[in-house]
Amino acid sequence: MAASSAETSTIKVYNEFLDGPCFRYPAIKSGDPVEQDKHLKYASLVANAVVVSDVADLTEVMSAMAKDGHPVTPALVACISPYIRDHVRRFGRFALDMADLPAPLNCQPRPFEAAL
């Protein structure tokens, strides 16, 4: 079964996003299938962690918008992508404070306006 153009576009966008965590150097140097598989899984793990963080942040912002009375429509949400990487610092120092835990993810219904 062939992929639709929307599916192909989504896959293409994800693969372009995946280049970010791979430091724009996605080439796999090893001919060993196990090493190739590890490379792809590690890159996907990092990329998916960034996407989960982005989705949590975007959900929080949309919920705050709805709470403040701003309309959050399906059309607005369709314009938002979790494949944001401008905020990701790939180089530099990272200080991890393991005592500073994030708040639990508060899953809520989507704050869409009622459909017309």
PDB file of N, CA and C in Angstrom:
ATOM      1  N   MET A   1       0.842  -1.174   0.000  1.00  0.00           N
ATOM      2  CA  MET A   1       0.000   0.000   0.000  1.00  0.00           C
ATOM      3  C   MET A   1       0.893   1.244   0.000  1.00  0.00           C
ATOM      4  N   ALA A   2       0.672   2.137  -0.927  1.00  0.00           N
ATOM      5  CA  ALA A   2       1.479   3.350  -1.055  1.00  0.00           C
ATOM      6  C   ALA A   2       1.028   4.394  -0.043  1.00  0.00           C
ATOM      7  N   ALA A   3       1.978   5.167   0.443  1.00  0.00           N
ATOM      8  CA  ALA A   3       1.667   6.232   1.399  1.00  0.00           C
ATOM      9  C   ALA A   3       1.059   7.421   0.670  1.00  0.00           C
ATOM     10  N   SER A   4       0.094   8.066   1.333  1.00  0.00           N
ATOM     11  CA  SER A   4      -0.501   9.264   0.741  1.00  0.00           C
ATOM     12  C   SER A   4       0.501  10.408   0.810  1.00  0.00           C
ATOM     13  N   SER A   5       0.210  11.480   0.082  1.00  0.00           N
ATOM     14  CA  SER A   5       1.149  12.606   0.087  1.00  0.00           C
ATOM     15  C   SER A   5       1.207  13.271   1.461  1.00  0.00           C
ATOM     16  N   ALA A   6       0.083  13.260   2.211  1.00  0.00           N
ATOM     17  CA  ALA A   6       0.102  13.833   3.568  1.00  0.00           C
ATOM     18  C   ALA A   6       1.007  13.010   4.473  1.00  0.00           C
ATOM     19  N   GLU A   7       0.936  11.664   4.348  1.00  0.00           N
ATOM     20  CA  GLU A   7       1.806  10.805   5.152  1.00  0.00           C
ATOM     21  C   GLU A   7       3.262  10.996   4.763  1.00  0.00           C
ATOM     22  N   THR A   8       3.518  11.099   3.465  1.00  0.00           N
ATOM     23  CA  THR A   8       4.881  11.308   2.987  1.00  0.00           C
ATOM     24  C   THR A   8       5.414  12.635   3.503  1.00  0.00           C
ATOM     25  N   SER A   9       4.581  13.659   3.483  1.00  0.00           N
ATOM     26  CA  SER A   9       4.996  14.972   3.971  1.00  0.00           C
ATOM     27  C   SER A   9       5.318  14.915   5.463  1.00  0.00           C
ATOM     28  N   THR A  10       4.492  14.205   6.248  1.00  0.00           N
ATOM     29  CA  THR A  10       4.725  14.081   7.686  1.00  0.00           C
ATOM     30  C   THR A  10       6.034  13.350   7.952  1.00  0.00           C
ATOM     31  N   ILE A  11       6.286  12.287   7.216  1.00  0.00           N
ATOM     32  CA  ILE A  11       7.525  11.531   7.386  1.00  0.00           C
ATOM     33  C   ILE A  11       8.725  12.390   7.010  1.00  0.00           C
ATOM     34  N   LYS A  12       8.590  13.157   5.942  1.00  0.00           N
ATOM     35  CA  LYS A  12       9.684  14.029   5.505  1.00  0.00           C
ATOM     36  C   LYS A  12       9.992  15.086   6.568  1.00  0.00           C
ATOM     37  N   VAL A  13       8.953  15.688   7.129  1.00  0.00           N
ATOM     38  CA  VAL A  13       9.142  16.708   8.166  1.00  0.00           C
ATOM     39  C   VAL A  13       9.832  16.094   9.388  1.00  0.00           C
ATOM     40  N   TYR A  14       9.412  14.883   9.794  1.00  0.00           N
ATOM     41  CA  TYR A  14      10.037  14.227  10.938  1.00  0.00           C
ATOM     42  C   TYR A  14      11.508  13.934  10.651  1.00  0.00           C
ATOM     43  N   ASN A  15      11.799  13.436   9.456  1.00  0.00           N
ATOM     44  CA  ASN A  15      13.193  13.126   9.116  1.00  0.00           C
ATOM     45  C   ASN A  15      14.058  14.380   9.085  1.00  0.00           C
ATOM     46  N   GLU A  16      13.500  15.497   8.618  1.00  0.00           N
ATOM     47  CA  GLU A  16      14.245  16.759   8.654  1.00  0.00           C
ATOM     48  C   GLU A  16      14.462  17.198  10.100  1.00  0.00           C
ATOM     49  N   PHE A  17      13.441  17.012  10.940  1.00  0.00           N
ATOM     50  CA  PHE A  17      13.566  17.342  12.357  1.00  0.00           C
ATOM     51  C   PHE A  17      14.627  16.461  13.017  1.00  0.00           C
ATOM     52  N   LEU A  18      14.678  15.198  12.630  1.00  0.00           N
ATOM     53  CA  LEU A  18      15.625  14.245  13.190  1.00  0.00           C
ATOM     54  C   LEU A  18      17.066  14.654  12.918  1.00  0.00           C
ATOM     55  N   ASP A  19      17.301  15.424  11.862  1.00  0.00           N
ATOM     56  CA  ASP A  19      18.650  15.911  11.573  1.00  0.00           C
ATOM     57  C   ASP A  19      19.188  16.797  12.694  1.00  0.00           C
ATOM     58  N   GLY A  20      18.307  17.503  13.398  1.00  0.00           N
ATOM     59  CA  GLY A  20      18.741  18.392  14.483  1.00  0.00           C
ATOM     60  C   GLY A  20      19.462  17.639  15.580  1.00  0.00           C
ATOM     61  N   PRO A  21      18.794  16.656  16.218  1.00  0.00           N
ATOM     62  CA  PRO A  21      19.492  15.897  17.259  1.00  0.00           C
ATOM     63  C   PRO A  21      20.686  15.114  16.730  1.00  0.00           C
ATOM     64  N   CYS A  22      20.713  14.834  15.445  1.00  0.00           N
ATOM     65  CA  CYS A  22      21.850  14.100  14.861  1.00  0.00           C
ATOM     66  C   CYS A  22      22.963  15.057  14.461  1.00  0.00           C
ATOM     67  N   PHE A  23      22.851  16.324  14.861  1.00  0.00           N
ATOM     68  CA  PHE A  23      23.865  17.330  14.566  1.00  0.00           C
ATOM     69  C   PHE A  23      24.084  17.481  13.059  1.00  0.00           C
ATOM     70  N   ARG A  24      22.997  17.320  12.314  1.00  0.00           N
ATOM     71  CA  ARG A  24      23.044  17.470  10.854  1.00  0.00           C
ATOM     72  C   ARG A  24      24.068  16.529  10.227  1.00  0.00           C
ATOM     73  N   TYR A  25      24.382  15.467  10.914  1.00  0.00           N
ATOM     74  CA  TYR A  25      25.319  14.491  10.370  1.00  0.00           C
ATOM     75  C   TYR A  25      24.732  13.098  10.590  1.00  0.00           C
ATOM     76  N   PRO A  26      23.673  12.783   9.845  1.00  0.00           N
ATOM     77  CA  PRO A  26      22.986  11.523  10.091  1.00  0.00           C
ATOM     78  C   PRO A  26      23.669  10.310   9.475  1.00  0.00           C
ATOM     79  N   ALA A  27      24.829  10.490   8.841  1.00  0.00           N
ATOM     80  CA  ALA A  27      25.493   9.366   8.181  1.00  0.00           C
ATOM     81  C   ALA A  27      25.902   8.312   9.195  1.00  0.00           C
ATOM     82  N   ILE A  28      25.673   7.091   8.849  1.00  0.00           N
ATOM     83  CA  ILE A  28      26.068   5.976   9.687  1.00  0.00           C
ATOM     84  C   ILE A  28      27.365   5.429   9.112  1.00  0.00           C
ATOM     85  N   LYS A  29      28.427   5.506   9.893  1.00  0.00           N
ATOM     86  CA  LYS A  29      29.754   5.135   9.383  1.00  0.00           C
ATOM     87  C   LYS A  29      29.983   3.626   9.379  1.00  0.00           C
ATOM     88  N   SER A  30      29.333   2.917  10.262  1.00  0.00           N
ATOM     89  CA  SER A  30      29.593   1.489  10.398  1.00  0.00           C
ATOM     90  C   SER A  30      28.768   0.677   9.408  1.00  0.00           C
ATOM     91  N   GLY A  31      29.331  -0.402   8.945  1.00  0.00           N
ATOM     92  CA  GLY A  31      28.603  -1.324   8.096  1.00  0.00           C
ATOM     93  C   GLY A  31      27.924  -2.411   8.911  1.00  0.00           C
ATOM     94  N   ASP A  32      28.145  -2.385  10.228  1.00  0.00           N
ATOM     95  CA  ASP A  32      27.562  -3.376  11.119  1.00  0.00           C
ATOM     96  C   ASP A  32      26.079  -3.070  11.334  1.00  0.00           C
ATOM     97  N   PRO A  33      25.182  -3.995  10.993  1.00  0.00           N
ATOM     98  CA  PRO A  33      23.746  -3.741  11.146  1.00  0.00           C
ATOM     99  C   PRO A  33      23.341  -3.425  12.584  1.00  0.00           C
ATOM    100  N   VAL A  34      24.006  -4.016  13.567  1.00  0.00           N
ATOM    101  CA  VAL A  34      23.687  -3.738  14.974  1.00  0.00           C
ATOM    102  C   VAL A  34      24.023  -2.287  15.308  1.00  0.00           C
ATOM    103  N   GLU A  35      25.189  -1.814  14.863  1.00  0.00           N
ATOM    104  CA  GLU A  35      25.578  -0.416  15.112  1.00  0.00           C
ATOM    105  C   GLU A  35      24.659   0.550  14.365  1.00  0.00           C
ATOM    106  N   GLN A  36      24.254   0.202  13.159  1.00  0.00           N
ATOM    107  CA  GLN A  36      23.327   1.041  12.399  1.00  0.00           C
ATOM    108  C   GLN A  36      21.995   1.148  13.132  1.00  0.00           C
ATOM    109  N   ASP A  37      21.520   0.019  13.641  1.00  0.00           N
ATOM    110  CA  ASP A  37      20.255   0.007  14.369  1.00  0.00           C
ATOM    111  C   ASP A  37      20.347   0.852  15.635  1.00  0.00           C
ATOM    112  N   LYS A  38      21.471   0.739  16.366  1.00  0.00           N
ATOM    113  CA  LYS A  38      21.673   1.545  17.571  1.00  0.00           C
ATOM    114  C   LYS A  38      21.660   3.035  17.233  1.00  0.00           C
ATOM    115  N   HIS A  39      22.355   3.418  16.156  1.00  0.00           N
ATOM    116  CA  HIS A  39      22.424   4.823  15.752  1.00  0.00           C
ATOM    117  C   HIS A  39      21.018   5.368  15.509  1.00  0.00           C
ATOM    118  N   LEU A  40      20.214   4.634  14.760  1.00  0.00           N
ATOM    119  CA  LEU A  40      18.860   5.089  14.443  1.00  0.00           C
ATOM    120  C   LEU A  40      17.979   5.151  15.691  1.00  0.00           C
ATOM    121  N   LYS A  41      18.105   4.166  16.565  1.00  0.00           N
ATOM    122  CA  LYS A  41      17.280   4.153  17.781  1.00  0.00           C
ATOM    123  C   LYS A  41      17.670   5.282  18.726  1.00  0.00           C
ATOM    124  N   TYR A  42      18.952   5.537  18.898  1.00  0.00           N
ATOM    125  CA  TYR A  42      19.387   6.624  19.784  1.00  0.00           C
ATOM    126  C   TYR A  42      18.950   7.977  19.236  1.00  0.00           C
ATOM    127  N   ALA A  43      19.090   8.181  17.934  1.00  0.00           N
ATOM    128  CA  ALA A  43      18.668   9.452  17.329  1.00  0.00           C
ATOM    129  C   ALA A  43      17.165   9.632  17.487  1.00  0.00           C
ATOM    130  N   SER A  44      16.399   8.580  17.276  1.00  0.00           N
ATOM    131  CA  SER A  44      14.946   8.658  17.432  1.00  0.00           C
ATOM    132  C   SER A  44      14.555   8.908  18.882  1.00  0.00           C
ATOM    133  N   LEU A  45      15.273   8.308  19.814  1.00  0.00           N
ATOM    134  CA  LEU A  45      14.989   8.515  21.233  1.00  0.00           C
ATOM    135  C   LEU A  45      15.156   9.985  21.611  1.00  0.00           C
ATOM    136  N   VAL A  46      16.253  10.585  21.186  1.00  0.00           N
ATOM    137  CA  VAL A  46      16.495  11.999  21.500  1.00  0.00           C
ATOM    138  C   VAL A  46      15.449  12.884  20.824  1.00  0.00           C
ATOM    139  N   ALA A  47      15.176  12.620  19.552  1.00  0.00           N
ATOM    140  CA  ALA A  47      14.184  13.419  18.825  1.00  0.00           C
ATOM    141  C   ALA A  47      12.804  13.291  19.473  1.00  0.00           C
ATOM    142  N   ASN A  48      12.425  12.092  19.864  1.00  0.00           N
ATOM    143  CA  ASN A  48      11.114  11.893  20.486  1.00  0.00           C
ATOM    144  C   ASN A  48      11.027  12.567  21.848  1.00  0.00           C
ATOM    145  N   ALA A  49      12.124  12.621  22.584  1.00  0.00           N
ATOM    146  CA  ALA A  49      12.132  13.333  23.866  1.00  0.00           C
ATOM    147  C   ALA A  49      11.891  14.825  23.649  1.00  0.00           C
ATOM    148  N   VAL A  50      12.492  15.378  22.602  1.00  0.00           N
ATOM    149  CA  VAL A  50      12.276  16.794  22.276  1.00  0.00           C
ATOM    150  C   VAL A  50      10.820  17.021  21.879  1.00  0.00           C
ATOM    151  N   VAL A  51      10.253  16.123  21.082  1.00  0.00           N
ATOM    152  CA  VAL A  51       8.854  16.256  20.651  1.00  0.00           C
ATOM    153  C   VAL A  51       7.911  16.193  21.851  1.00  0.00           C
ATOM    154  N   VAL A  52       8.135  15.261  22.776  1.00  0.00           N
ATOM    155  CA  VAL A  52       7.278  15.155  23.963  1.00  0.00           C
ATOM    156  C   VAL A  52       7.344  16.450  24.775  1.00  0.00           C
ATOM    157  N   SER A  53       8.528  16.994  24.937  1.00  0.00           N
ATOM    158  CA  SER A  53       8.684  18.259  25.660  1.00  0.00           C
ATOM    159  C   SER A  53       7.942  19.387  24.950  1.00  0.00           C
ATOM    160  N   ASP A  54       8.069  19.440  23.629  1.00  0.00           N
ATOM    161  CA  ASP A  54       7.377  20.478  22.857  1.00  0.00           C
ATOM    162  C   ASP A  54       5.859  20.348  22.970  1.00  0.00           C
ATOM    163  N   VAL A  55       5.354  19.122  22.876  1.00  0.00           N
ATOM    164  CA  VAL A  55       3.908  18.903  22.978  1.00  0.00           C
ATOM    165  C   VAL A  55       3.405  19.324  24.359  1.00  0.00           C
ATOM    166  N   ALA A  56       4.129  18.987  25.406  1.00  0.00           N
ATOM    167  CA  ALA A  56       3.730  19.385  26.758  1.00  0.00           C
ATOM    168  C   ALA A  56       3.705  20.912  26.877  1.00  0.00           C
ATOM    169  N   ASP A  57       4.728  21.578  26.341  1.00  0.00           N
ATOM    170  CA  ASP A  57       4.772  23.045  26.394  1.00  0.00           C
ATOM    171  C   ASP A  57       3.645  23.676  25.579  1.00  0.00           C
ATOM    172  N   LEU A  58       3.407  23.158  24.373  1.00  0.00           N
ATOM    173  CA  LEU A  58       2.345  23.704  23.521  1.00  0.00           C
ATOM    174  C   LEU A  58       0.970  23.481  24.149  1.00  0.00           C
ATOM    175  N   THR A  59       0.766  22.327  24.776  1.00  0.00           N
ATOM    176  CA  THR A  59      -0.506  22.041  25.440  1.00  0.00           C
ATOM    177  C   THR A  59      -0.740  23.010  26.587  1.00  0.00           C
ATOM    178  N   GLU A  60       0.313  23.283  27.345  1.00  0.00           N
ATOM    179  CA  GLU A  60       0.204  24.231  28.453  1.00  0.00           C
ATOM    180  C   GLU A  60      -0.154  25.628  27.947  1.00  0.00           C
ATOM    181  N   VAL A  61       0.464  26.048  26.855  1.00  0.00           N
ATOM    182  CA  VAL A  61       0.185  27.368  26.291  1.00  0.00           C
ATOM    183  C   VAL A  61      -1.252  27.441  25.762  1.00  0.00           C
ATOM    184  N   MET A  62      -1.691  26.405  25.047  1.00  0.00           N
ATOM    185  CA  MET A  62      -3.059  26.421  24.521  1.00  0.00           C
ATOM    186  C   MET A  62      -4.092  26.400  25.642  1.00  0.00           C
ATOM    187  N   SER A  63      -3.820  25.653  26.704  1.00  0.00           N
ATOM    188  CA  SER A  63      -4.736  25.636  27.846  1.00  0.00           C
ATOM    189  C   SER A  63      -4.806  27.009  28.506  1.00  0.00           C
ATOM    190  N   ALA A  64      -3.668  27.677  28.623  1.00  0.00           N
ATOM    191  CA  ALA A  64      -3.649  29.033  29.195  1.00  0.00           C
ATOM    192  C   ALA A  64      -4.398  30.009  28.296  1.00  0.00           C
ATOM    193  N   MET A  65      -4.242  29.856  26.977  1.00  0.00           N
ATOM    194  CA  MET A  65      -4.974  30.710  26.040  1.00  0.00           C
ATOM    195  C   MET A  65      -6.476  30.528  26.202  1.00  0.00           C
ATOM    196  N   ALA A  66      -6.926  29.273  26.276  1.00  0.00           N
ATOM    197  CA  ALA A  66      -8.353  28.996  26.432  1.00  0.00           C
ATOM    198  C   ALA A  66      -8.868  29.549  27.755  1.00  0.00           C
ATOM    199  N   LYS A  67      -8.059  29.412  28.804  1.00  0.00           N
ATOM    200  CA  LYS A  67      -8.447  29.922  30.127  1.00  0.00           C
ATOM    201  C   LYS A  67      -8.576  31.443  30.114  1.00  0.00           C
ATOM    202  N   ASP A  68      -7.735  32.118  29.313  1.00  0.00           N
ATOM    203  CA  ASP A  68      -7.781  33.582  29.219  1.00  0.00           C
ATOM    204  C   ASP A  68      -8.855  34.073  28.248  1.00  0.00           C
ATOM    205  N   GLY A  69      -9.595  33.140  27.652  1.00  0.00           N
ATOM    206  CA  GLY A  69     -10.689  33.532  26.762  1.00  0.00           C
ATOM    207  C   GLY A  69     -10.314  33.646  25.294  1.00  0.00           C
ATOM    208  N   HIS A  70      -9.103  33.267  24.941  1.00  0.00           N
ATOM    209  CA  HIS A  70      -8.702  33.291  23.533  1.00  0.00           C
ATOM    210  C   HIS A  70      -9.196  32.016  22.852  1.00  0.00           C
ATOM    211  N   PRO A  71      -9.723  32.139  21.645  1.00  0.00           N
ATOM    212  CA  PRO A  71     -10.224  30.943  20.972  1.00  0.00           C
ATOM    213  C   PRO A  71      -9.096  30.007  20.547  1.00  0.00           C
ATOM    214  N   VAL A  72      -9.225  28.752  20.893  1.00  0.00           N
ATOM    215  CA  VAL A  72      -8.274  27.723  20.464  1.00  0.00           C
ATOM    216  C   VAL A  72      -9.064  26.791  19.552  1.00  0.00           C
ATOM    217  N   THR A  73      -8.883  26.974  18.272  1.00  0.00           N
ATOM    218  CA  THR A  73      -9.656  26.232  17.280  1.00  0.00           C
ATOM    219  C   THR A  73      -8.820  25.119  16.663  1.00  0.00           C
ATOM    220  N   PRO A  74      -9.493  24.140  16.081  1.00  0.00           N
ATOM    221  CA  PRO A  74      -8.736  23.109  15.362  1.00  0.00           C
ATOM    222  C   PRO A  74      -7.854  23.698  14.258  1.00  0.00           C
ATOM    223  N   ALA A  75      -8.306  24.784  13.621  1.00  0.00           N
ATOM    224  CA  ALA A  75      -7.489  25.430  12.576  1.00  0.00           C
ATOM    225  C   ALA A  75      -6.202  26.001  13.169  1.00  0.00           C
ATOM    226  N   LEU A  76      -6.283  26.570  14.363  1.00  0.00           N
ATOM    227  CA  LEU A  76      -5.095  27.098  15.024  1.00  0.00           C
ATOM    228  C   LEU A  76      -4.131  25.963  15.360  1.00  0.00           C
ATOM    229  N   VAL A  77      -4.665  24.898  15.918  1.00  0.00           N
ATOM    230  CA  VAL A  77      -3.829  23.767  16.309  1.00  0.00           C
ATOM    231  C   VAL A  77      -3.183  23.124  15.082  1.00  0.00           C
ATOM    232  N   ALA A  78      -3.892  23.132  13.954  1.00  0.00           N
ATOM    233  CA  ALA A  78      -3.342  22.548  12.723  1.00  0.00           C
ATOM    234  C   ALA A  78      -2.120  23.317  12.231  1.00  0.00           C
ATOM    235  N   CYS A  79      -1.980  24.569  12.653  1.00  0.00           N
ATOM    236  CA  CYS A  79      -0.835  25.396  12.233  1.00  0.00           C
ATOM    237  C   CYS A  79       0.379  25.210  13.142  1.00  0.00           C
ATOM    238  N   ILE A  80       0.214  24.472  14.221  1.00  0.00           N
ATOM    239  CA  ILE A  80       1.286  24.295  15.200  1.00  0.00           C
ATOM    240  C   ILE A  80       1.966  22.948  14.963  1.00  0.00           C
ATOM    241  N   SER A  81       3.277  22.937  15.102  1.00  0.00           N
ATOM    242  CA  SER A  81       4.021  21.699  14.909  1.00  0.00           C
ATOM    243  C   SER A  81       4.892  21.414  16.139  1.00  0.00           C
ATOM    244  N   PRO A  82       4.951  20.153  16.564  1.00  0.00           N
ATOM    245  CA  PRO A  82       5.839  19.827  17.676  1.00  0.00           C
ATOM    246  C   PRO A  82       7.298  19.673  17.234  1.00  0.00           C
ATOM    247  N   TYR A  83       7.547  19.846  15.937  1.00  0.00           N
ATOM    248  CA  TYR A  83       8.905  19.671  15.416  1.00  0.00           C
ATOM    249  C   TYR A  83       9.661  20.998  15.436  1.00  0.00           C
ATOM    250  N   ILE A  84       9.721  21.598  16.614  1.00  0.00           N
ATOM    251  CA  ILE A  84      10.409  22.873  16.799  1.00  0.00           C
ATOM    252  C   ILE A  84      11.799  22.554  17.344  1.00  0.00           C
ATOM    253  N   ARG A  85      12.807  23.208  16.812  1.00  0.00           N
ATOM    254  CA  ARG A  85      14.145  22.921  17.346  1.00  0.00           C
ATOM    255  C   ARG A  85      14.972  24.172  17.593  1.00  0.00           C
ATOM    256  N   ASP A  86      14.365  25.350  17.437  1.00  0.00           N
ATOM    257  CA  ASP A  86      15.112  26.582  17.677  1.00  0.00           C
ATOM    258  C   ASP A  86      15.548  26.715  19.131  1.00  0.00           C
ATOM    259  N   HIS A  87      14.787  26.145  20.054  1.00  0.00           N
ATOM    260  CA  HIS A  87      15.082  26.276  21.476  1.00  0.00           C
ATOM    261  C   HIS A  87      16.045  25.205  21.991  1.00  0.00           C
ATOM    262  N   VAL A  88      16.383  24.257  21.150  1.00  0.00           N
ATOM    263  CA  VAL A  88      17.246  23.160  21.586  1.00  0.00           C
ATOM    264  C   VAL A  88      18.702  23.601  21.509  1.00  0.00           C
ATOM    265  N   ARG A  89      19.384  23.560  22.659  1.00  0.00           N
ATOM    266  CA  ARG A  89      20.810  23.897  22.687  1.00  0.00           C
ATOM    267  C   ARG A  89      21.606  22.615  22.497  1.00  0.00           C
ATOM    268  N   ARG A  90      22.260  22.502  21.374  1.00  0.00           N
ATOM    269  CA  ARG A  90      23.016  21.284  21.104  1.00  0.00           C
ATOM    270  C   ARG A  90      24.419  21.355  21.668  1.00  0.00           C
ATOM    271  N   PHE A  91      24.918  22.541  21.899  1.00  0.00           N
ATOM    272  CA  PHE A  91      26.274  22.706  22.408  1.00  0.00           C
ATOM    273  C   PHE A  91      26.208  23.544  23.668  1.00  0.00           C
ATOM    274  N   GLY A  92      27.215  23.456  24.490  1.00  0.00           N
ATOM    275  CA  GLY A  92      27.248  24.278  25.693  1.00  0.00           C
ATOM    276  C   GLY A  92      27.163  23.434  26.939  1.00  0.00           C
ATOM    277  N   ARG A  93      27.049  24.114  28.052  1.00  0.00           N
ATOM    278  CA  ARG A  93      27.017  23.430  29.337  1.00  0.00           C
ATOM    279  C   ARG A  93      25.568  23.246  29.761  1.00  0.00           C
ATOM    280  N   PHE A  94      25.305  22.096  30.294  1.00  0.00           N
ATOM    281  CA  PHE A  94      23.980  21.790  30.800  1.00  0.00           C
ATOM    282  C   PHE A  94      24.114  21.403  32.267  1.00  0.00           C
ATOM    283  N   ALA A  95      23.447  22.142  33.115  1.00  0.00           N
ATOM    284  CA  ALA A  95      23.458  21.828  34.540  1.00  0.00           C
ATOM    285  C   ALA A  95      22.165  21.090  34.863  1.00  0.00           C
ATOM    286  N   LEU A  96      22.285  19.899  35.377  1.00  0.00           N
ATOM    287  CA  LEU A  96      21.116  19.116  35.737  1.00  0.00           C
ATOM    288  C   LEU A  96      20.954  19.127  37.249  1.00  0.00           C
ATOM    289  N   ASP A  97      19.804  19.595  37.688  1.00  0.00           N
ATOM    290  CA  ASP A  97      19.469  19.570  39.104  1.00  0.00           C
ATOM    291  C   ASP A  97      18.437  18.475  39.291  1.00  0.00           C
ATOM    292  N   MET A  98      18.867  17.304  39.734  1.00  0.00           N
ATOM    293  CA  MET A  98      17.969  16.164  39.850  1.00  0.00           C
ATOM    294  C   MET A  98      16.925  16.349  40.952  1.00  0.00           C
ATOM    295  N   ALA A  99      17.122  17.335  41.830  1.00  0.00           N
ATOM    296  CA  ALA A  99      16.133  17.617  42.872  1.00  0.00           C
ATOM    297  C   ALA A  99      15.001  18.488  42.333  1.00  0.00           C
ATOM    298  N   ASP A 100      15.230  19.156  41.208  1.00  0.00           N
ATOM    299  CA  ASP A 100      14.228  20.035  40.609  1.00  0.00           C
ATOM    300  C   ASP A 100      13.438  19.238  39.570  1.00  0.00           C
ATOM    301  N   LEU A 101      12.412  18.535  40.041  1.00  0.00           N
ATOM    302  CA  LEU A 101      11.624  17.686  39.159  1.00  0.00           C
ATOM    303  C   LEU A 101      10.504  18.489  38.503  1.00  0.00           C
ATOM    304  N   PRO A 102      10.190  18.213  37.249  1.00  0.00           N
ATOM    305  CA  PRO A 102       9.084  18.911  36.594  1.00  0.00           C
ATOM    306  C   PRO A 102       7.752  18.445  37.178  1.00  0.00           C
ATOM    307  N   ALA A 103       6.749  19.287  37.029  1.00  0.00           N
ATOM    308  CA  ALA A 103       5.408  18.923  37.483  1.00  0.00           C
ATOM    309  C   ALA A 103       4.899  17.767  36.629  1.00  0.00           C
ATOM    310  N   PRO A 104       4.041  16.929  37.193  1.00  0.00           N
ATOM    311  CA  PRO A 104       3.503  15.831  36.391  1.00  0.00           C
ATOM    312  C   PRO A 104       2.705  16.379  35.211  1.00  0.00           C
ATOM    313  N   LEU A 105       2.715  15.642  34.109  1.00  0.00           N
ATOM    314  CA  LEU A 105       1.958  16.040  32.929  1.00  0.00           C
ATOM    315  C   LEU A 105       0.482  15.932  33.262  1.00  0.00           C
ATOM    316  N   ASN A 106      -0.223  17.031  33.125  1.00  0.00           N
ATOM    317  CA  ASN A 106      -1.634  17.095  33.477  1.00  0.00           C
ATOM    318  C   ASN A 106      -2.452  16.923  32.201  1.00  0.00           C
ATOM    319  N   CYS A 107      -2.836  15.693  31.902  1.00  0.00           N
ATOM    320  CA  CYS A 107      -3.600  15.413  30.684  1.00  0.00           C
ATOM    321  C   CYS A 107      -5.012  15.944  30.834  1.00  0.00           C
ATOM    322  N   GLN A 108      -5.428  16.740  29.863  1.00  0.00           N
ATOM    323  CA  GLN A 108      -6.754  17.340  29.867  1.00  0.00           C
ATOM    324  C   GLN A 108      -7.333  17.233  28.469  1.00  0.00           C
ATOM    325  N   PRO A 109      -8.655  17.361  28.373  1.00  0.00           N
ATOM    326  CA  PRO A 109      -9.244  17.384  27.028  1.00  0.00           C
ATOM    327  C   PRO A 109      -8.728  18.582  26.249  1.00  0.00           C
ATOM    328  N   ARG A 110      -8.702  18.453  24.940  1.00  0.00           N
ATOM    329  CA  ARG A 110      -8.247  19.569  24.112  1.00  0.00           C
ATOM    330  C   ARG A 110      -9.137  20.781  24.334  1.00  0.00           C
ATOM    331  N   PRO A 111      -8.545  21.954  24.424  1.00  0.00           N
ATOM    332  CA  PRO A 111      -9.347  23.160  24.721  1.00  0.00           C
ATOM    333  C   PRO A 111      -9.940  23.785  23.459  1.00  0.00           C
ATOM    334  N   PHE A 112     -10.428  22.957  22.520  1.00  0.00           N
ATOM    335  CA  PHE A 112     -11.002  23.493  21.285  1.00  0.00           C
ATOM    336  C   PHE A 112     -12.335  24.166  21.558  1.00  0.00           C
ATOM    337  N   GLU A 113     -12.645  25.133  20.712  1.00  0.00           N
ATOM    338  CA  GLU A 113     -13.974  25.698  20.739  1.00  0.00           C
ATOM    339  C   GLU A 113     -14.933  24.645  20.209  1.00  0.00           C
ATOM    340  N   ALA A 114     -16.182  24.772  20.561  1.00  0.00           N
ATOM    341  CA  ALA A 114     -17.170  23.832  20.045  1.00  0.00           C
ATOM    342  C   ALA A 114     -17.239  23.942  18.536  1.00  0.00           C
ATOM    343  N   ALA A 115     -17.313  22.807  17.873  1.00  0.00           N
ATOM    344  CA  ALA A 115     -17.384  22.797  16.401  1.00  0.00           C
ATOM    345  C   ALA A 115     -18.720  23.381  15.962  1.00  0.00           C
ATOM    346  N   LEU A 116     -18.674  24.111  14.867  1.00  0.00           N
ATOM    347  CA  LEU A 116     -19.913  24.714  14.350  1.00  0.00           C
ATOM    348  C   LEU A 116     -20.713  23.725  13.582  1.00  0.00           C
TER     349      LEU A 116
END
